[in-house]
Amino acid sequence: MAHMLEAHGFRALAVDLVPSDGAVGLDELAGQVGSFVERELAPGEPFDLVGFSMGGLVSRYYVQRLGGVERVGRLITISAPHRGTCWAYTGGNKGWRQMRPGSEFLVELNRNASILERVKFVSIWTPLDLTIVPAWSSRLGVGEEFQVPVMLHPWMLGDRRCVELVGRLLRA
């Protein structure tokens, strides 16, 4: 998606969260986002943040708990399991446990989701998602919400409608 956004005239920086397999907690990955921001952007420079799937929760944690709310102008999540995904029961690592419906991590993160009202928060989701189960778990009830009927979870990043929507939102 970063390449597609660059083709639309945006400066897009992509952070690679390591490891991205749920082996570490989402809070630890959010710390990587914070370090990336400090390394790549000027002090205090505002920016918009787009997070896909687990990255949406990582981005929320950065905004809600690590001070990102002071710099992020817009947070867009795409197919993020805001209320968990049943697939997370298939893995036992810390990150997987944190993405389970009703996990302590999600309960605490969602308890103060109203902080997202300080940024322009958007949730983009598909009702056809077979990775975020149930699919409506990508709906948070804060900010704006857009439904894009894409057949498979990873296709959200390359779907023309989704990319164009993200572009419109970033320009708004």
N, C-alpha and C. Protein backbone atom coordinates (compact mmCIF):
# COMPACT_ATOMS: atom_id res chain seq x y z
N MET A 1 0.83 -1.19 0.00
CA MET A 1 0.00 0.00 0.00
C MET A 1 0.87 1.25 0.00
N ALA A 2 2.03 1.21 0.65
CA ALA A 2 2.91 2.38 0.69
C ALA A 2 3.28 2.81 -0.73
N HIS A 3 3.60 1.84 -1.58
CA HIS A 3 3.95 2.17 -2.97
C HIS A 3 2.76 2.78 -3.71
N MET A 4 1.58 2.26 -3.47
CA MET A 4 0.39 2.79 -4.12
C MET A 4 0.11 4.21 -3.65
N LEU A 5 0.29 4.47 -2.36
CA LEU A 5 0.08 5.82 -1.84
C LEU A 5 1.13 6.79 -2.38
N GLU A 6 2.36 6.33 -2.51
CA GLU A 6 3.40 7.17 -3.10
C GLU A 6 3.04 7.53 -4.54
N ALA A 7 2.47 6.57 -5.26
CA ALA A 7 2.04 6.83 -6.64
C ALA A 7 0.95 7.89 -6.69
N HIS A 8 0.23 8.07 -5.58
CA HIS A 8 -0.82 9.09 -5.48
C HIS A 8 -0.27 10.40 -4.90
N GLY A 9 1.05 10.49 -4.75
CA GLY A 9 1.66 11.74 -4.31
C GLY A 9 1.94 11.87 -2.82
N PHE A 10 1.76 10.82 -2.06
CA PHE A 10 2.00 10.88 -0.63
C PHE A 10 3.44 10.47 -0.31
N ARG A 11 3.96 11.02 0.77
CA ARG A 11 5.21 10.51 1.33
C ARG A 11 4.81 9.40 2.28
N ALA A 12 5.18 8.19 1.95
CA ALA A 12 4.75 7.03 2.74
C ALA A 12 5.97 6.32 3.32
N LEU A 13 6.04 6.28 4.62
CA LEU A 13 7.09 5.55 5.31
C LEU A 13 6.46 4.29 5.89
N ALA A 14 7.12 3.16 5.71
CA ALA A 14 6.59 1.89 6.21
C ALA A 14 7.53 1.34 7.27
N VAL A 15 6.99 1.01 8.41
CA VAL A 15 7.77 0.41 9.48
C VAL A 15 7.55 -1.10 9.45
N ASP A 16 8.63 -1.85 9.52
CA ASP A 16 8.54 -3.31 9.60
C ASP A 16 8.62 -3.70 11.07
N LEU A 17 7.54 -4.24 11.58
CA LEU A 17 7.51 -4.67 12.97
C LEU A 17 8.08 -6.08 13.06
N VAL A 18 9.08 -6.25 13.94
CA VAL A 18 9.78 -7.52 14.04
C VAL A 18 9.79 -7.99 15.48
N PRO A 19 9.33 -9.22 15.72
CA PRO A 19 8.73 -10.15 14.78
C PRO A 19 7.26 -9.82 14.57
N SER A 20 6.75 -10.18 13.44
CA SER A 20 5.36 -9.86 13.11
C SER A 20 4.45 -11.09 13.19
N ASP A 21 4.89 -12.09 13.93
CA ASP A 21 4.14 -13.34 14.03
C ASP A 21 3.42 -13.52 15.35
N GLY A 22 3.35 -12.47 16.14
CA GLY A 22 2.67 -12.56 17.43
C GLY A 22 3.55 -13.06 18.55
N ALA A 23 4.85 -13.29 18.27
CA ALA A 23 5.75 -13.82 19.28
C ALA A 23 5.98 -12.86 20.44
N VAL A 24 5.83 -11.55 20.17
CA VAL A 24 5.96 -10.56 21.24
C VAL A 24 4.64 -9.79 21.34
N GLY A 25 4.49 -9.08 22.42
CA GLY A 25 3.26 -8.35 22.65
C GLY A 25 3.09 -7.16 21.73
N LEU A 26 1.84 -6.80 21.51
CA LEU A 26 1.52 -5.67 20.65
C LEU A 26 2.03 -4.37 21.26
N ASP A 27 2.10 -4.31 22.58
CA ASP A 27 2.65 -3.15 23.25
C ASP A 27 4.13 -2.98 22.93
N GLU A 28 4.87 -4.07 22.85
CA GLU A 28 6.28 -4.01 22.48
C GLU A 28 6.44 -3.55 21.03
N LEU A 29 5.58 -4.04 20.16
CA LEU A 29 5.62 -3.61 18.76
C LEU A 29 5.29 -2.12 18.64
N ALA A 30 4.38 -1.65 19.48
CA ALA A 30 4.05 -0.22 19.48
C ALA A 30 5.27 0.61 19.85
N GLY A 31 6.10 0.08 20.72
CA GLY A 31 7.34 0.76 21.06
C GLY A 31 8.24 0.89 19.84
N GLN A 32 8.21 -0.12 18.95
CA GLN A 32 8.98 -0.04 17.71
C GLN A 32 8.44 1.09 16.82
N VAL A 33 7.13 1.27 16.81
CA VAL A 33 6.54 2.37 16.05
C VAL A 33 7.07 3.69 16.60
N GLY A 34 7.06 3.82 17.92
CA GLY A 34 7.55 5.04 18.54
C GLY A 34 9.01 5.31 18.20
N SER A 35 9.83 4.29 18.24
CA SER A 35 11.25 4.44 17.90
C SER A 35 11.42 4.84 16.44
N PHE A 36 10.62 4.23 15.56
CA PHE A 36 10.67 4.56 14.14
C PHE A 36 10.32 6.03 13.91
N VAL A 37 9.27 6.48 14.58
CA VAL A 37 8.83 7.87 14.45
C VAL A 37 9.94 8.81 14.90
N GLU A 38 10.55 8.52 16.03
CA GLU A 38 11.63 9.38 16.55
C GLU A 38 12.83 9.40 15.61
N ARG A 39 13.10 8.29 14.97
CA ARG A 39 14.24 8.18 14.07
C ARG A 39 14.00 8.83 12.72
N GLU A 40 12.78 8.72 12.20
CA GLU A 40 12.48 9.11 10.82
C GLU A 40 11.86 10.50 10.66
N LEU A 41 11.24 11.01 11.72
CA LEU A 41 10.56 12.31 11.63
C LEU A 41 11.22 13.33 12.54
N ALA A 42 11.07 14.58 12.17
CA ALA A 42 11.61 15.67 13.00
C ALA A 42 10.86 15.72 14.33
N PRO A 43 11.52 16.14 15.39
CA PRO A 43 10.84 16.22 16.69
C PRO A 43 9.56 17.05 16.60
N GLY A 44 8.48 16.47 17.09
CA GLY A 44 7.19 17.15 17.09
C GLY A 44 6.47 17.19 15.76
N GLU A 45 7.09 16.68 14.70
CA GLU A 45 6.46 16.71 13.38
C GLU A 45 5.18 15.86 13.38
N PRO A 46 4.04 16.46 13.01
CA PRO A 46 2.80 15.67 12.97
C PRO A 46 2.80 14.73 11.76
N PHE A 47 2.03 13.66 11.88
CA PHE A 47 1.94 12.70 10.79
C PHE A 47 0.64 11.92 10.91
N ASP A 48 0.28 11.27 9.81
CA ASP A 48 -0.87 10.37 9.79
C ASP A 48 -0.35 8.94 9.87
N LEU A 49 -1.14 8.06 10.44
CA LEU A 49 -0.72 6.68 10.67
C LEU A 49 -1.78 5.74 10.10
N VAL A 50 -1.34 4.76 9.33
CA VAL A 50 -2.22 3.75 8.76
C VAL A 50 -1.74 2.39 9.25
N GLY A 51 -2.63 1.61 9.84
CA GLY A 51 -2.26 0.29 10.35
C GLY A 51 -3.20 -0.77 9.83
N PHE A 52 -2.61 -1.86 9.35
CA PHE A 52 -3.38 -2.98 8.81
C PHE A 52 -3.37 -4.15 9.79
N SER A 53 -4.54 -4.74 10.00
CA SER A 53 -4.71 -5.95 10.79
C SER A 53 -4.14 -5.75 12.19
N MET A 54 -3.21 -6.61 12.61
CA MET A 54 -2.58 -6.48 13.92
C MET A 54 -1.92 -5.11 14.06
N GLY A 55 -1.42 -4.58 12.94
CA GLY A 55 -0.79 -3.27 12.94
C GLY A 55 -1.75 -2.16 13.33
N GLY A 56 -3.05 -2.38 13.11
CA GLY A 56 -4.04 -1.41 13.56
C GLY A 56 -4.10 -1.32 15.07
N LEU A 57 -4.01 -2.47 15.74
CA LEU A 57 -3.99 -2.48 17.21
C LEU A 57 -2.68 -1.90 17.74
N VAL A 58 -1.58 -2.24 17.08
CA VAL A 58 -0.28 -1.70 17.46
C VAL A 58 -0.31 -0.17 17.34
N SER A 59 -0.88 0.32 16.25
CA SER A 59 -0.98 1.77 16.04
C SER A 59 -1.86 2.42 17.09
N ARG A 60 -2.97 1.77 17.43
CA ARG A 60 -3.83 2.31 18.48
C ARG A 60 -3.09 2.39 19.80
N TYR A 61 -2.33 1.36 20.13
CA TYR A 61 -1.59 1.36 21.39
C TYR A 61 -0.59 2.51 21.40
N TYR A 62 0.08 2.72 20.28
CA TYR A 62 1.02 3.84 20.17
C TYR A 62 0.30 5.16 20.41
N VAL A 63 -0.85 5.35 19.80
CA VAL A 63 -1.60 6.59 19.95
C VAL A 63 -2.17 6.73 21.36
N GLN A 64 -2.78 5.68 21.86
CA GLN A 64 -3.50 5.75 23.12
C GLN A 64 -2.61 5.68 24.36
N ARG A 65 -1.49 4.97 24.26
CA ARG A 65 -0.69 4.72 25.46
C ARG A 65 0.72 5.26 25.43
N LEU A 66 1.27 5.50 24.24
CA LEU A 66 2.68 5.90 24.15
C LEU A 66 2.86 7.35 23.68
N GLY A 67 1.80 8.14 23.79
CA GLY A 67 1.91 9.55 23.48
C GLY A 67 1.71 9.92 22.02
N GLY A 68 1.43 8.96 21.18
CA GLY A 68 1.22 9.25 19.77
C GLY A 68 0.07 10.20 19.52
N VAL A 69 -0.87 10.29 20.45
CA VAL A 69 -2.01 11.18 20.30
C VAL A 69 -1.56 12.64 20.14
N GLU A 70 -0.37 12.96 20.62
CA GLU A 70 0.14 14.32 20.53
C GLU A 70 0.68 14.66 19.14
N ARG A 71 0.97 13.63 18.32
CA ARG A 71 1.58 13.87 17.01
C ARG A 71 0.74 13.37 15.84
N VAL A 72 -0.08 12.37 16.08
CA VAL A 72 -0.85 11.77 14.99
C VAL A 72 -2.07 12.62 14.69
N GLY A 73 -2.20 13.02 13.45
CA GLY A 73 -3.36 13.80 13.04
C GLY A 73 -4.53 12.92 12.67
N ARG A 74 -4.21 11.79 12.03
CA ARG A 74 -5.24 10.87 11.55
C ARG A 74 -4.71 9.45 11.75
N LEU A 75 -5.56 8.59 12.28
CA LEU A 75 -5.24 7.17 12.42
C LEU A 75 -6.27 6.39 11.62
N ILE A 76 -5.78 5.66 10.63
CA ILE A 76 -6.65 4.83 9.79
C ILE A 76 -6.28 3.37 10.05
N THR A 77 -7.25 2.59 10.48
CA THR A 77 -7.02 1.15 10.64
C THR A 77 -7.77 0.42 9.55
N ILE A 78 -7.15 -0.63 9.04
CA ILE A 78 -7.73 -1.44 7.97
C ILE A 78 -7.80 -2.88 8.47
N SER A 79 -9.00 -3.42 8.54
CA SER A 79 -9.21 -4.81 8.98
C SER A 79 -8.46 -5.11 10.28
N ALA A 80 -8.58 -4.24 11.24
CA ALA A 80 -7.95 -4.44 12.54
C ALA A 80 -8.92 -5.14 13.48
N PRO A 81 -8.46 -6.10 14.25
CA PRO A 81 -9.34 -6.82 15.18
C PRO A 81 -9.57 -6.04 16.48
N HIS A 82 -10.25 -4.91 16.39
CA HIS A 82 -10.46 -4.04 17.55
C HIS A 82 -11.14 -4.77 18.71
N ARG A 83 -11.95 -5.73 18.40
CA ARG A 83 -12.64 -6.49 19.44
C ARG A 83 -12.18 -7.95 19.45
N GLY A 84 -11.05 -8.18 18.78
CA GLY A 84 -10.44 -9.51 18.78
C GLY A 84 -10.84 -10.35 17.58
N THR A 85 -10.16 -11.46 17.44
CA THR A 85 -10.49 -12.42 16.39
C THR A 85 -10.38 -13.83 16.97
N CYS A 86 -11.32 -14.67 16.63
CA CYS A 86 -11.31 -16.04 17.13
C CYS A 86 -10.10 -16.82 16.64
N TRP A 87 -9.52 -16.40 15.52
CA TRP A 87 -8.32 -17.07 15.01
C TRP A 87 -7.17 -16.95 16.00
N ALA A 88 -7.20 -15.96 16.87
CA ALA A 88 -6.12 -15.78 17.83
C ALA A 88 -6.04 -16.93 18.82
N TYR A 89 -7.09 -17.73 18.93
CA TYR A 89 -7.05 -18.89 19.81
C TYR A 89 -6.17 -20.00 19.25
N THR A 90 -5.80 -19.90 17.98
CA THR A 90 -4.97 -20.94 17.37
C THR A 90 -3.49 -20.75 17.66
N GLY A 91 -3.12 -19.62 18.25
CA GLY A 91 -1.72 -19.37 18.60
C GLY A 91 -1.60 -19.07 20.08
N GLY A 92 -0.48 -19.45 20.67
CA GLY A 92 -0.30 -19.25 22.10
C GLY A 92 0.66 -18.15 22.47
N ASN A 93 1.27 -17.52 21.48
CA ASN A 93 2.22 -16.44 21.77
C ASN A 93 1.51 -15.24 22.38
N LYS A 94 2.30 -14.36 23.00
CA LYS A 94 1.73 -13.21 23.69
C LYS A 94 0.86 -12.35 22.77
N GLY A 95 1.36 -12.04 21.57
CA GLY A 95 0.60 -11.22 20.63
C GLY A 95 -0.72 -11.86 20.25
N TRP A 96 -0.70 -13.16 20.05
CA TRP A 96 -1.94 -13.87 19.71
C TRP A 96 -2.92 -13.81 20.87
N ARG A 97 -2.42 -14.04 22.08
CA ARG A 97 -3.31 -14.00 23.25
C ARG A 97 -3.93 -12.62 23.41
N GLN A 98 -3.16 -11.56 23.08
CA GLN A 98 -3.68 -10.20 23.21
C GLN A 98 -4.78 -9.91 22.20
N MET A 99 -4.82 -10.64 21.09
CA MET A 99 -5.83 -10.41 20.06
C MET A 99 -7.07 -11.28 20.23
N ARG A 100 -7.14 -12.05 21.28
CA ARG A 100 -8.33 -12.87 21.53
C ARG A 100 -9.48 -11.99 22.02
N PRO A 101 -10.71 -12.29 21.57
CA PRO A 101 -11.85 -11.52 22.07
C PRO A 101 -11.90 -11.55 23.60
N GLY A 102 -12.07 -10.39 24.19
CA GLY A 102 -12.17 -10.30 25.65
C GLY A 102 -10.85 -10.35 26.38
N SER A 103 -9.72 -10.33 25.66
CA SER A 103 -8.41 -10.37 26.33
C SER A 103 -8.25 -9.13 27.19
N GLU A 104 -7.43 -9.24 28.22
CA GLU A 104 -7.16 -8.09 29.09
C GLU A 104 -6.60 -6.93 28.28
N PHE A 105 -5.74 -7.23 27.31
CA PHE A 105 -5.15 -6.20 26.47
C PHE A 105 -6.23 -5.41 25.74
N LEU A 106 -7.16 -6.11 25.09
CA LEU A 106 -8.22 -5.43 24.33
C LEU A 106 -9.20 -4.71 25.24
N VAL A 107 -9.54 -5.32 26.35
CA VAL A 107 -10.46 -4.67 27.29
C VAL A 107 -9.87 -3.34 27.75
N GLU A 108 -8.58 -3.35 28.12
CA GLU A 108 -7.93 -2.12 28.58
C GLU A 108 -7.80 -1.10 27.45
N LEU A 109 -7.43 -1.55 26.26
CA LEU A 109 -7.27 -0.64 25.13
C LEU A 109 -8.62 -0.02 24.75
N ASN A 110 -9.67 -0.83 24.75
CA ASN A 110 -10.99 -0.34 24.37
C ASN A 110 -11.64 0.49 25.47
N ARG A 111 -11.19 0.31 26.70
CA ARG A 111 -11.76 1.08 27.81
C ARG A 111 -11.55 2.58 27.60
N ASN A 112 -10.41 2.96 27.05
CA ASN A 112 -10.18 4.39 26.83
C ASN A 112 -10.07 4.70 25.33
N ALA A 113 -10.88 4.02 24.53
CA ALA A 113 -10.89 4.27 23.09
C ALA A 113 -11.34 5.69 22.77
N SER A 114 -12.01 6.34 23.70
CA SER A 114 -12.48 7.70 23.45
C SER A 114 -11.33 8.67 23.19
N ILE A 115 -10.12 8.32 23.61
CA ILE A 115 -8.96 9.18 23.32
C ILE A 115 -8.75 9.32 21.81
N LEU A 116 -9.25 8.34 21.05
CA LEU A 116 -9.12 8.39 19.59
C LEU A 116 -9.93 9.53 18.99
N GLU A 117 -10.84 10.11 19.76
CA GLU A 117 -11.60 11.26 19.29
C GLU A 117 -10.70 12.49 19.15
N ARG A 118 -9.52 12.45 19.77
CA ARG A 118 -8.57 13.56 19.66
C ARG A 118 -7.81 13.54 18.34
N VAL A 119 -7.86 12.41 17.64
CA VAL A 119 -7.29 12.31 16.29
C VAL A 119 -8.45 12.00 15.35
N LYS A 120 -8.23 12.11 14.09
CA LYS A 120 -9.27 11.71 13.13
C LYS A 120 -9.14 10.21 12.94
N PHE A 121 -9.95 9.46 13.68
CA PHE A 121 -9.86 8.00 13.67
C PHE A 121 -10.83 7.41 12.65
N VAL A 122 -10.33 6.45 11.88
CA VAL A 122 -11.13 5.77 10.87
C VAL A 122 -10.88 4.27 10.95
N SER A 123 -11.95 3.51 10.84
CA SER A 123 -11.85 2.06 10.75
C SER A 123 -12.43 1.64 9.40
N ILE A 124 -11.60 0.96 8.60
CA ILE A 124 -12.05 0.41 7.32
C ILE A 124 -12.09 -1.10 7.50
N TRP A 125 -13.19 -1.70 7.11
CA TRP A 125 -13.33 -3.14 7.32
C TRP A 125 -14.15 -3.78 6.20
N THR A 126 -14.07 -5.09 6.14
CA THR A 126 -14.87 -5.84 5.17
C THR A 126 -15.72 -6.88 5.90
N PRO A 127 -16.98 -6.98 5.55
CA PRO A 127 -17.83 -7.99 6.19
C PRO A 127 -17.49 -9.41 5.72
N LEU A 128 -16.63 -9.52 4.72
CA LEU A 128 -16.26 -10.82 4.16
C LEU A 128 -14.97 -11.37 4.75
N ASP A 129 -14.43 -10.70 5.75
CA ASP A 129 -13.14 -11.07 6.33
C ASP A 129 -13.22 -12.43 7.01
N LEU A 130 -12.34 -13.34 6.62
CA LEU A 130 -12.28 -14.66 7.25
C LEU A 130 -11.09 -14.78 8.20
N THR A 131 -10.35 -13.69 8.37
CA THR A 131 -9.24 -13.65 9.32
C THR A 131 -9.66 -12.95 10.60
N ILE A 132 -10.41 -11.88 10.46
CA ILE A 132 -10.99 -11.20 11.61
C ILE A 132 -12.38 -11.81 11.80
N VAL A 133 -12.48 -12.72 12.75
CA VAL A 133 -13.71 -13.47 12.99
C VAL A 133 -14.17 -13.22 14.41
N PRO A 134 -15.35 -12.65 14.57
CA PRO A 134 -16.29 -12.23 13.53
C PRO A 134 -15.81 -10.94 12.85
N ALA A 135 -16.20 -10.77 11.61
CA ALA A 135 -15.74 -9.63 10.81
C ALA A 135 -16.11 -8.30 11.45
N TRP A 136 -17.27 -8.22 12.11
CA TRP A 136 -17.68 -6.96 12.72
C TRP A 136 -16.75 -6.55 13.86
N SER A 137 -15.85 -7.42 14.25
CA SER A 137 -14.88 -7.09 15.29
C SER A 137 -13.95 -5.96 14.86
N SER A 138 -13.92 -5.67 13.56
CA SER A 138 -13.11 -4.54 13.06
C SER A 138 -13.80 -3.21 13.27
N ARG A 139 -15.02 -3.24 13.76
CA ARG A 139 -15.77 -2.01 14.04
C ARG A 139 -15.54 -1.63 15.50
N LEU A 140 -15.18 -0.38 15.73
CA LEU A 140 -14.87 0.04 17.10
C LEU A 140 -15.96 0.90 17.72
N GLY A 141 -16.70 1.64 16.91
CA GLY A 141 -17.73 2.50 17.46
C GLY A 141 -17.21 3.88 17.84
N VAL A 142 -16.01 4.21 17.40
CA VAL A 142 -15.40 5.52 17.62
C VAL A 142 -14.97 6.03 16.25
N GLY A 143 -15.11 7.31 16.01
CA GLY A 143 -14.65 7.88 14.75
C GLY A 143 -15.51 7.47 13.57
N GLU A 144 -14.91 7.51 12.39
CA GLU A 144 -15.62 7.14 11.17
C GLU A 144 -15.38 5.67 10.85
N GLU A 145 -16.31 5.12 10.10
CA GLU A 145 -16.22 3.72 9.72
C GLU A 145 -16.63 3.57 8.26
N PHE A 146 -15.85 2.78 7.53
CA PHE A 146 -16.15 2.52 6.13
C PHE A 146 -16.07 1.02 5.88
N GLN A 147 -17.03 0.54 5.14
CA GLN A 147 -17.07 -0.88 4.76
C GLN A 147 -16.69 -1.01 3.29
N VAL A 148 -15.71 -1.86 3.02
CA VAL A 148 -15.27 -2.13 1.65
C VAL A 148 -15.39 -3.64 1.46
N PRO A 149 -16.28 -4.10 0.59
CA PRO A 149 -16.51 -5.54 0.44
C PRO A 149 -15.41 -6.25 -0.37
N VAL A 150 -14.33 -6.57 0.32
CA VAL A 150 -13.19 -7.27 -0.28
C VAL A 150 -13.24 -8.72 0.18
N MET A 151 -12.94 -9.63 -0.72
CA MET A 151 -13.10 -11.06 -0.43
C MET A 151 -12.15 -11.63 0.61
N LEU A 152 -10.90 -11.22 0.59
CA LEU A 152 -9.93 -11.80 1.52
C LEU A 152 -9.18 -10.72 2.30
N HIS A 153 -8.88 -11.03 3.53
CA HIS A 153 -8.20 -10.11 4.45
C HIS A 153 -6.98 -9.43 3.82
N PRO A 154 -6.01 -10.17 3.31
CA PRO A 154 -4.80 -9.49 2.78
C PRO A 154 -5.07 -8.66 1.52
N TRP A 155 -6.15 -8.93 0.84
CA TRP A 155 -6.47 -8.17 -0.37
C TRP A 155 -6.86 -6.73 -0.07
N MET A 156 -7.20 -6.44 1.18
CA MET A 156 -7.59 -5.07 1.54
C MET A 156 -6.48 -4.08 1.19
N LEU A 157 -5.23 -4.49 1.35
CA LEU A 157 -4.11 -3.57 1.11
C LEU A 157 -3.93 -3.21 -0.35
N GLY A 158 -4.33 -4.09 -1.25
CA GLY A 158 -4.14 -3.82 -2.67
C GLY A 158 -5.42 -3.50 -3.42
N ASP A 159 -6.54 -3.57 -2.74
CA ASP A 159 -7.81 -3.31 -3.40
C ASP A 159 -7.90 -1.83 -3.79
N ARG A 160 -8.19 -1.57 -5.04
CA ARG A 160 -8.25 -0.21 -5.57
C ARG A 160 -9.20 0.66 -4.75
N ARG A 161 -10.38 0.14 -4.40
CA ARG A 161 -11.35 0.93 -3.64
C ARG A 161 -10.81 1.31 -2.27
N CYS A 162 -10.12 0.37 -1.63
CA CYS A 162 -9.57 0.63 -0.30
C CYS A 162 -8.44 1.65 -0.38
N VAL A 163 -7.54 1.48 -1.35
CA VAL A 163 -6.42 2.42 -1.50
C VAL A 163 -6.94 3.82 -1.83
N GLU A 164 -7.93 3.91 -2.72
CA GLU A 164 -8.49 5.22 -3.06
C GLU A 164 -9.18 5.86 -1.86
N LEU A 165 -9.86 5.05 -1.07
CA LEU A 165 -10.50 5.56 0.14
C LEU A 165 -9.44 6.10 1.11
N VAL A 166 -8.38 5.35 1.33
CA VAL A 166 -7.31 5.82 2.21
C VAL A 166 -6.74 7.14 1.67
N GLY A 167 -6.52 7.21 0.36
CA GLY A 167 -6.00 8.44 -0.24
C GLY A 167 -6.94 9.62 0.00
N ARG A 168 -8.25 9.41 -0.20
CA ARG A 168 -9.23 10.49 0.03
C ARG A 168 -9.21 10.92 1.49
N LEU A 169 -9.14 9.96 2.39
CA LEU A 169 -9.14 10.28 3.82
C LEU A 169 -7.88 11.05 4.21
N LEU A 170 -6.75 10.68 3.64
CA LEU A 170 -5.50 11.37 3.97
C LEU A 170 -5.48 12.79 3.41
N ARG A 171 -6.20 13.03 2.32
CA ARG A 171 -6.25 14.37 1.74
C ARG A 171 -7.27 15.27 2.45
N ALA A 172 -8.21 14.67 3.14
CA ALA A 172 -9.30 15.44 3.77
C ALA A 172 -8.79 16.30 4.91
